Amino acid sequence: MDFEKFKQWMNFAQHYQSGDFWNNIFDQSKTTTDRSIENFPPVDVYIEDSRVIILIELSGLTKNDIQVSVSGTTLTIQGQVKSFFNASPVLQERYYGEFKRTIQLPEPVEGRNVSAKFYHGLLFLSYFRTYAKEEHIFIE
């Protein structure tokens, strides 16, 4: 490879791409897989008057492939996505490997109060909100 032509190409490309693009492109510690796992699995959290609902997308997994735990306002889900094939991918957009994601819940909950159902690759978690009715405080 002609190093001078490569340098010219880099200078030309630098003109059109700036910022962290060139700092990270040769940084092997940040691979595409590392960046895509930050938000894996996808999660939606809904809050209603009486309950909180969490929907977690886990396509290709079964309930035996995952572990879910809760502590106060922190929900943790972890597991492993295994590849279906022993071939070299030509295009790979799905994540494969171990994952662990921590989600902050809007209010604390105890594990025994969480209902969980796994249906067609979607994990539905819900719990009833435990907030006290407003009470007036007598001031002496």
N, C-alpha and C. Protein backbone atom coordinates (compact mmCIF):
# COMPACT_ATOMS: atom_id res chain seq x y z
N MET A 1 0.84 -1.18 0.00
CA MET A 1 0.00 0.00 0.00
C MET A 1 0.89 1.25 0.00
N ASP A 2 0.52 2.21 -0.78
CA ASP A 2 1.26 3.46 -0.88
C ASP A 2 0.87 4.35 0.30
N PHE A 3 1.82 4.55 1.22
CA PHE A 3 1.55 5.30 2.45
C PHE A 3 1.18 6.75 2.15
N GLU A 4 1.79 7.36 1.15
CA GLU A 4 1.49 8.76 0.81
C GLU A 4 0.05 8.92 0.32
N LYS A 5 -0.41 7.97 -0.48
CA LYS A 5 -1.80 8.02 -0.95
C LYS A 5 -2.77 7.83 0.22
N PHE A 6 -2.39 6.96 1.14
CA PHE A 6 -3.22 6.74 2.33
C PHE A 6 -3.30 8.02 3.15
N LYS A 7 -2.17 8.72 3.32
CA LYS A 7 -2.15 9.98 4.06
C LYS A 7 -3.03 11.03 3.38
N GLN A 8 -2.96 11.10 2.05
CA GLN A 8 -3.81 12.04 1.31
C GLN A 8 -5.27 11.71 1.52
N TRP A 9 -5.60 10.42 1.46
CA TRP A 9 -6.99 10.00 1.68
C TRP A 9 -7.44 10.37 3.09
N MET A 10 -6.58 10.15 4.11
CA MET A 10 -6.92 10.50 5.49
C MET A 10 -7.16 12.00 5.64
N ASN A 11 -6.32 12.83 5.04
CA ASN A 11 -6.50 14.28 5.10
C ASN A 11 -7.80 14.69 4.43
N PHE A 12 -8.08 14.11 3.27
CA PHE A 12 -9.32 14.39 2.56
C PHE A 12 -10.53 13.98 3.41
N ALA A 13 -10.48 12.77 3.97
CA ALA A 13 -11.58 12.26 4.78
C ALA A 13 -11.76 13.08 6.05
N GLN A 14 -10.66 13.53 6.64
CA GLN A 14 -10.72 14.34 7.87
C GLN A 14 -11.49 15.63 7.61
N HIS A 15 -11.39 16.13 6.39
CA HIS A 15 -12.09 17.36 6.03
C HIS A 15 -13.61 17.17 6.12
N TYR A 16 -14.09 15.95 5.83
CA TYR A 16 -15.52 15.68 5.83
C TYR A 16 -16.04 15.03 7.10
N GLN A 17 -15.18 14.43 7.88
CA GLN A 17 -15.56 13.81 9.16
C GLN A 17 -14.70 14.42 10.25
N SER A 18 -15.34 14.86 11.32
CA SER A 18 -14.56 15.45 12.40
C SER A 18 -15.05 14.94 13.74
N GLY A 19 -14.55 15.53 14.80
CA GLY A 19 -14.97 15.14 16.14
C GLY A 19 -14.42 13.80 16.56
N ASP A 20 -15.23 13.04 17.29
CA ASP A 20 -14.80 11.75 17.83
C ASP A 20 -14.75 10.64 16.79
N PHE A 21 -15.25 10.89 15.59
CA PHE A 21 -15.27 9.85 14.57
C PHE A 21 -13.87 9.27 14.35
N TRP A 22 -12.88 10.15 14.10
CA TRP A 22 -11.53 9.67 13.82
C TRP A 22 -10.80 9.24 15.08
N ASN A 23 -11.17 9.80 16.23
CA ASN A 23 -10.53 9.37 17.48
C ASN A 23 -10.95 7.94 17.83
N ASN A 24 -12.19 7.58 17.52
CA ASN A 24 -12.72 6.27 17.90
C ASN A 24 -12.58 5.21 16.81
N ILE A 25 -12.35 5.61 15.57
CA ILE A 25 -12.36 4.62 14.48
C ILE A 25 -11.25 3.59 14.62
N PHE A 26 -10.10 3.99 15.14
CA PHE A 26 -8.99 3.06 15.29
C PHE A 26 -8.87 2.54 16.72
N ASP A 27 -9.79 2.95 17.61
CA ASP A 27 -9.78 2.52 19.00
C ASP A 27 -10.47 1.16 19.09
N GLN A 28 -9.70 0.09 19.23
CA GLN A 28 -10.25 -1.26 19.25
C GLN A 28 -11.00 -1.58 20.53
N SER A 29 -10.87 -0.75 21.56
CA SER A 29 -11.57 -1.03 22.81
C SER A 29 -13.06 -0.74 22.70
N LYS A 30 -13.46 0.06 21.69
CA LYS A 30 -14.87 0.37 21.48
C LYS A 30 -15.30 -0.22 20.15
N THR A 31 -15.83 -1.41 20.19
CA THR A 31 -16.31 -2.03 18.96
C THR A 31 -17.78 -1.71 18.79
N THR A 32 -18.31 -1.99 17.63
CA THR A 32 -19.74 -1.77 17.38
C THR A 32 -20.57 -2.55 18.36
N THR A 33 -20.16 -3.78 18.68
CA THR A 33 -20.90 -4.60 19.62
C THR A 33 -20.94 -3.96 21.01
N ASP A 34 -19.80 -3.40 21.45
CA ASP A 34 -19.76 -2.77 22.76
C ASP A 34 -20.74 -1.62 22.84
N ARG A 35 -20.84 -0.82 21.77
CA ARG A 35 -21.72 0.34 21.79
C ARG A 35 -23.18 -0.09 21.72
N SER A 36 -23.49 -1.15 20.98
CA SER A 36 -24.88 -1.56 20.81
C SER A 36 -25.44 -2.23 22.07
N ILE A 37 -24.59 -2.75 22.94
CA ILE A 37 -25.08 -3.43 24.13
C ILE A 37 -25.54 -2.45 25.20
N GLU A 38 -25.16 -1.18 25.09
CA GLU A 38 -25.54 -0.20 26.10
C GLU A 38 -27.05 -0.14 26.31
N ASN A 39 -27.82 -0.30 25.25
CA ASN A 39 -29.27 -0.24 25.35
C ASN A 39 -29.92 -1.58 24.99
N PHE A 40 -29.25 -2.66 25.35
CA PHE A 40 -29.80 -3.99 25.10
C PHE A 40 -30.12 -4.67 26.40
N PRO A 41 -31.26 -5.23 26.54
CA PRO A 41 -32.37 -5.27 25.60
C PRO A 41 -33.18 -3.98 25.64
N PRO A 42 -33.94 -3.70 24.56
CA PRO A 42 -34.79 -2.50 24.56
C PRO A 42 -35.86 -2.59 25.65
N VAL A 43 -36.10 -1.47 26.32
CA VAL A 43 -37.02 -1.43 27.46
C VAL A 43 -37.97 -0.24 27.33
N ASP A 44 -39.24 -0.45 27.65
CA ASP A 44 -40.21 0.63 27.80
C ASP A 44 -40.74 0.58 29.23
N VAL A 45 -40.89 1.74 29.87
CA VAL A 45 -41.45 1.81 31.21
C VAL A 45 -42.65 2.75 31.15
N TYR A 46 -43.80 2.27 31.63
CA TYR A 46 -45.03 3.05 31.64
C TYR A 46 -45.49 3.21 33.08
N ILE A 47 -46.09 4.35 33.37
CA ILE A 47 -46.62 4.57 34.71
C ILE A 47 -48.09 4.97 34.59
N GLU A 48 -48.93 4.28 35.34
CA GLU A 48 -50.35 4.59 35.41
C GLU A 48 -50.67 5.08 36.81
N ASP A 49 -51.92 5.43 37.05
CA ASP A 49 -52.31 5.89 38.39
C ASP A 49 -52.04 4.84 39.46
N SER A 50 -52.28 3.57 39.12
CA SER A 50 -52.18 2.55 40.16
C SER A 50 -51.02 1.57 39.98
N ARG A 51 -50.36 1.57 38.82
CA ARG A 51 -49.28 0.60 38.64
C ARG A 51 -48.21 1.09 37.67
N VAL A 52 -47.08 0.39 37.69
CA VAL A 52 -45.95 0.63 36.79
C VAL A 52 -45.82 -0.62 35.92
N ILE A 53 -45.61 -0.41 34.63
CA ILE A 53 -45.50 -1.52 33.67
C ILE A 53 -44.15 -1.39 32.96
N ILE A 54 -43.42 -2.50 32.89
CA ILE A 54 -42.13 -2.53 32.21
C ILE A 54 -42.23 -3.58 31.10
N LEU A 55 -41.85 -3.21 29.89
CA LEU A 55 -41.88 -4.11 28.75
C LEU A 55 -40.45 -4.24 28.23
N ILE A 56 -39.95 -5.49 28.17
CA ILE A 56 -38.58 -5.74 27.75
C ILE A 56 -38.60 -6.68 26.55
N GLU A 57 -37.95 -6.25 25.47
CA GLU A 57 -37.92 -7.04 24.24
C GLU A 57 -36.75 -8.01 24.26
N LEU A 58 -37.06 -9.31 24.18
CA LEU A 58 -36.03 -10.36 24.26
C LEU A 58 -36.25 -11.39 23.15
N SER A 59 -36.28 -10.93 21.91
CA SER A 59 -36.56 -11.84 20.81
C SER A 59 -35.48 -12.91 20.71
N GLY A 60 -35.92 -14.12 20.45
CA GLY A 60 -35.00 -15.24 20.31
C GLY A 60 -34.61 -15.90 21.62
N LEU A 61 -35.08 -15.38 22.75
CA LEU A 61 -34.77 -15.95 24.06
C LEU A 61 -36.00 -16.60 24.67
N THR A 62 -35.76 -17.44 25.67
CA THR A 62 -36.84 -18.01 26.45
C THR A 62 -36.70 -17.50 27.88
N LYS A 63 -37.70 -17.76 28.69
CA LYS A 63 -37.63 -17.30 30.09
C LYS A 63 -36.49 -17.97 30.85
N ASN A 64 -36.03 -19.13 30.39
CA ASN A 64 -34.90 -19.81 31.03
C ASN A 64 -33.55 -19.19 30.68
N ASP A 65 -33.52 -18.32 29.67
CA ASP A 65 -32.28 -17.67 29.24
C ASP A 65 -31.97 -16.39 30.00
N ILE A 66 -32.90 -15.93 30.84
CA ILE A 66 -32.74 -14.63 31.50
C ILE A 66 -32.93 -14.74 33.01
N GLN A 67 -32.35 -13.76 33.71
CA GLN A 67 -32.55 -13.62 35.15
C GLN A 67 -32.94 -12.16 35.39
N VAL A 68 -33.94 -11.96 36.25
CA VAL A 68 -34.41 -10.62 36.58
C VAL A 68 -34.37 -10.47 38.09
N SER A 69 -33.87 -9.33 38.56
CA SER A 69 -33.87 -9.05 40.00
C SER A 69 -34.21 -7.59 40.22
N VAL A 70 -34.67 -7.29 41.44
CA VAL A 70 -35.04 -5.93 41.79
C VAL A 70 -34.52 -5.61 43.18
N SER A 71 -34.08 -4.37 43.35
CA SER A 71 -33.63 -3.88 44.64
C SER A 71 -33.99 -2.41 44.74
N GLY A 72 -35.01 -2.10 45.52
CA GLY A 72 -35.45 -0.71 45.64
C GLY A 72 -35.97 -0.19 44.32
N THR A 73 -35.29 0.80 43.75
CA THR A 73 -35.70 1.37 42.46
C THR A 73 -34.86 0.86 41.29
N THR A 74 -34.10 -0.21 41.51
CA THR A 74 -33.22 -0.74 40.47
C THR A 74 -33.68 -2.11 40.02
N LEU A 75 -33.95 -2.24 38.73
CA LEU A 75 -34.31 -3.51 38.12
C LEU A 75 -33.13 -3.95 37.26
N THR A 76 -32.69 -5.19 37.43
CA THR A 76 -31.57 -5.71 36.65
C THR A 76 -32.03 -6.92 35.86
N ILE A 77 -31.68 -6.94 34.59
CA ILE A 77 -31.97 -8.10 33.74
C ILE A 77 -30.65 -8.53 33.10
N GLN A 78 -30.40 -9.83 33.12
CA GLN A 78 -29.17 -10.34 32.52
C GLN A 78 -29.43 -11.69 31.89
N GLY A 79 -28.54 -12.06 30.99
CA GLY A 79 -28.68 -13.34 30.30
C GLY A 79 -27.66 -13.46 29.19
N GLN A 80 -27.97 -14.34 28.25
CA GLN A 80 -27.06 -14.55 27.13
C GLN A 80 -27.86 -14.86 25.88
N VAL A 81 -27.50 -14.19 24.79
CA VAL A 81 -28.10 -14.43 23.49
C VAL A 81 -27.13 -15.30 22.70
N LYS A 82 -27.59 -16.50 22.34
CA LYS A 82 -26.73 -17.43 21.61
C LYS A 82 -27.03 -17.36 20.12
N SER A 83 -25.97 -17.52 19.33
CA SER A 83 -26.12 -17.51 17.88
C SER A 83 -26.79 -18.80 17.44
N PHE A 84 -27.56 -18.71 16.38
CA PHE A 84 -28.22 -19.89 15.83
C PHE A 84 -27.31 -20.66 14.88
N PHE A 85 -26.26 -20.03 14.39
CA PHE A 85 -25.42 -20.62 13.36
C PHE A 85 -23.95 -20.59 13.77
N ASN A 86 -23.18 -21.52 13.22
CA ASN A 86 -21.73 -21.55 13.42
C ASN A 86 -21.02 -21.05 12.16
N ALA A 87 -21.61 -20.09 11.48
CA ALA A 87 -21.06 -19.56 10.24
C ALA A 87 -20.56 -18.14 10.47
N SER A 88 -19.73 -17.67 9.56
CA SER A 88 -19.25 -16.29 9.63
C SER A 88 -20.33 -15.37 9.07
N PRO A 89 -20.71 -14.35 9.81
CA PRO A 89 -21.78 -13.46 9.32
C PRO A 89 -21.29 -12.54 8.21
N VAL A 90 -22.14 -12.28 7.26
CA VAL A 90 -21.89 -11.30 6.22
C VAL A 90 -22.44 -9.96 6.68
N LEU A 91 -23.60 -9.99 7.33
CA LEU A 91 -24.22 -8.83 7.93
C LEU A 91 -24.73 -9.26 9.30
N GLN A 92 -24.37 -8.53 10.35
CA GLN A 92 -24.80 -8.91 11.70
C GLN A 92 -25.24 -7.66 12.46
N GLU A 93 -26.56 -7.51 12.62
CA GLU A 93 -27.11 -6.37 13.34
C GLU A 93 -27.64 -6.76 14.71
N ARG A 94 -27.93 -8.04 14.90
CA ARG A 94 -28.41 -8.51 16.20
C ARG A 94 -27.23 -8.67 17.15
N TYR A 95 -27.49 -8.49 18.44
CA TYR A 95 -26.44 -8.67 19.45
C TYR A 95 -26.41 -10.13 19.88
N TYR A 96 -25.20 -10.69 20.02
CA TYR A 96 -25.00 -12.03 20.54
C TYR A 96 -23.99 -11.96 21.67
N GLY A 97 -24.23 -12.72 22.73
CA GLY A 97 -23.32 -12.75 23.86
C GLY A 97 -24.05 -12.43 25.15
N GLU A 98 -23.26 -12.31 26.21
CA GLU A 98 -23.83 -12.01 27.52
C GLU A 98 -24.24 -10.54 27.59
N PHE A 99 -25.30 -10.29 28.35
CA PHE A 99 -25.74 -8.92 28.55
C PHE A 99 -26.21 -8.74 29.99
N LYS A 100 -26.16 -7.51 30.44
CA LYS A 100 -26.68 -7.13 31.75
C LYS A 100 -27.10 -5.68 31.66
N ARG A 101 -28.35 -5.41 31.98
CA ARG A 101 -28.86 -4.04 31.90
C ARG A 101 -29.55 -3.69 33.20
N THR A 102 -29.28 -2.49 33.68
CA THR A 102 -29.90 -1.98 34.89
C THR A 102 -30.83 -0.84 34.52
N ILE A 103 -32.05 -0.91 35.01
CA ILE A 103 -33.07 0.09 34.71
C ILE A 103 -33.50 0.75 36.01
N GLN A 104 -33.57 2.07 36.02
CA GLN A 104 -34.05 2.80 37.19
C GLN A 104 -35.57 2.88 37.12
N LEU A 105 -36.22 2.38 38.15
CA LEU A 105 -37.67 2.41 38.22
C LEU A 105 -38.13 3.74 38.82
N PRO A 106 -39.36 4.15 38.52
CA PRO A 106 -39.84 5.43 39.03
C PRO A 106 -40.08 5.44 40.54
N GLU A 107 -40.27 4.26 41.15
CA GLU A 107 -40.48 4.16 42.58
C GLU A 107 -39.97 2.81 43.07
N PRO A 108 -39.66 2.71 44.36
CA PRO A 108 -39.16 1.43 44.87
C PRO A 108 -40.23 0.35 44.87
N VAL A 109 -39.75 -0.91 44.78
CA VAL A 109 -40.66 -2.05 44.79
C VAL A 109 -39.92 -3.24 45.39
N GLU A 110 -40.68 -4.14 46.00
CA GLU A 110 -40.13 -5.40 46.49
C GLU A 110 -40.41 -6.48 45.45
N GLY A 111 -39.47 -7.40 45.30
CA GLY A 111 -39.59 -8.45 44.29
C GLY A 111 -40.87 -9.26 44.37
N ARG A 112 -41.33 -9.52 45.57
CA ARG A 112 -42.54 -10.34 45.71
C ARG A 112 -43.79 -9.63 45.19
N ASN A 113 -43.71 -8.32 44.96
CA ASN A 113 -44.85 -7.55 44.47
C ASN A 113 -44.84 -7.36 42.95
N VAL A 114 -43.82 -7.93 42.28
CA VAL A 114 -43.70 -7.77 40.83
C VAL A 114 -44.28 -8.99 40.13
N SER A 115 -45.15 -8.74 39.18
CA SER A 115 -45.72 -9.79 38.35
C SER A 115 -44.93 -9.86 37.05
N ALA A 116 -44.56 -11.07 36.59
CA ALA A 116 -43.77 -11.22 35.37
C ALA A 116 -44.39 -12.27 34.47
N LYS A 117 -44.54 -11.93 33.19
CA LYS A 117 -45.04 -12.86 32.19
C LYS A 117 -44.17 -12.75 30.94
N PHE A 118 -43.84 -13.91 30.37
CA PHE A 118 -43.02 -13.95 29.16
C PHE A 118 -43.90 -14.46 28.03
N TYR A 119 -44.02 -13.66 26.95
CA TYR A 119 -44.93 -14.01 25.86
C TYR A 119 -44.33 -13.57 24.53
N HIS A 120 -44.06 -14.52 23.63
CA HIS A 120 -43.55 -14.25 22.28
C HIS A 120 -42.33 -13.32 22.28
N GLY A 121 -41.37 -13.59 23.15
CA GLY A 121 -40.14 -12.80 23.18
C GLY A 121 -40.25 -11.46 23.89
N LEU A 122 -41.38 -11.21 24.54
CA LEU A 122 -41.56 -9.98 25.31
C LEU A 122 -41.77 -10.33 26.78
N LEU A 123 -41.03 -9.66 27.64
CA LEU A 123 -41.18 -9.84 29.08
C LEU A 123 -41.99 -8.67 29.62
N PHE A 124 -43.15 -8.98 30.20
CA PHE A 124 -44.02 -7.97 30.80
C PHE A 124 -43.86 -8.04 32.31
N LEU A 125 -43.42 -6.95 32.91
CA LEU A 125 -43.33 -6.85 34.36
C LEU A 125 -44.27 -5.74 34.80
N SER A 126 -44.94 -5.93 35.93
CA SER A 126 -45.79 -4.87 36.45
C SER A 126 -45.87 -4.98 37.97
N TYR A 127 -46.11 -3.86 38.59
CA TYR A 127 -46.34 -3.84 40.03
C TYR A 127 -47.24 -2.67 40.37
N PHE A 128 -48.01 -2.87 41.45
CA PHE A 128 -48.90 -1.81 41.90
C PHE A 128 -48.09 -0.78 42.68
N ARG A 129 -48.43 0.46 42.44
CA ARG A 129 -47.74 1.56 43.12
C ARG A 129 -48.16 1.57 44.58
N THR A 130 -47.20 1.86 45.43
CA THR A 130 -47.48 1.91 46.87
C THR A 130 -47.16 3.31 47.38
N TYR A 131 -48.11 4.16 47.22
CA TYR A 131 -47.94 5.49 47.77
C TYR A 131 -49.12 5.76 48.71
N ALA A 132 -48.84 6.46 49.76
CA ALA A 132 -49.85 6.71 50.77
C ALA A 132 -50.70 7.90 50.37
N LYS A 133 -51.93 7.87 50.85
CA LYS A 133 -52.86 8.97 50.64
C LYS A 133 -52.33 10.19 51.40
N GLU A 134 -52.53 11.35 50.82
CA GLU A 134 -52.07 12.57 51.48
C GLU A 134 -52.79 12.76 52.81
N GLU A 135 -52.00 13.03 53.84
CA GLU A 135 -52.55 13.27 55.17
C GLU A 135 -52.07 14.61 55.67
N HIS A 136 -52.95 15.31 56.39
CA HIS A 136 -52.57 16.60 57.00
C HIS A 136 -51.82 16.32 58.30
N ILE A 137 -50.82 17.15 58.56
CA ILE A 137 -50.02 17.00 59.77
C ILE A 137 -50.35 18.14 60.71
N PHE A 138 -50.68 17.79 61.91
CA PHE A 138 -51.00 18.78 62.93
C PHE A 138 -49.71 19.42 63.43
N ILE A 139 -49.68 20.75 63.49
CA ILE A 139 -48.51 21.49 63.97
C ILE A 139 -48.83 22.04 65.34
N GLU A 140 -47.99 21.77 66.31
CA GLU A 140 -48.21 22.24 67.69
C GLU A 140 -47.77 23.67 67.86
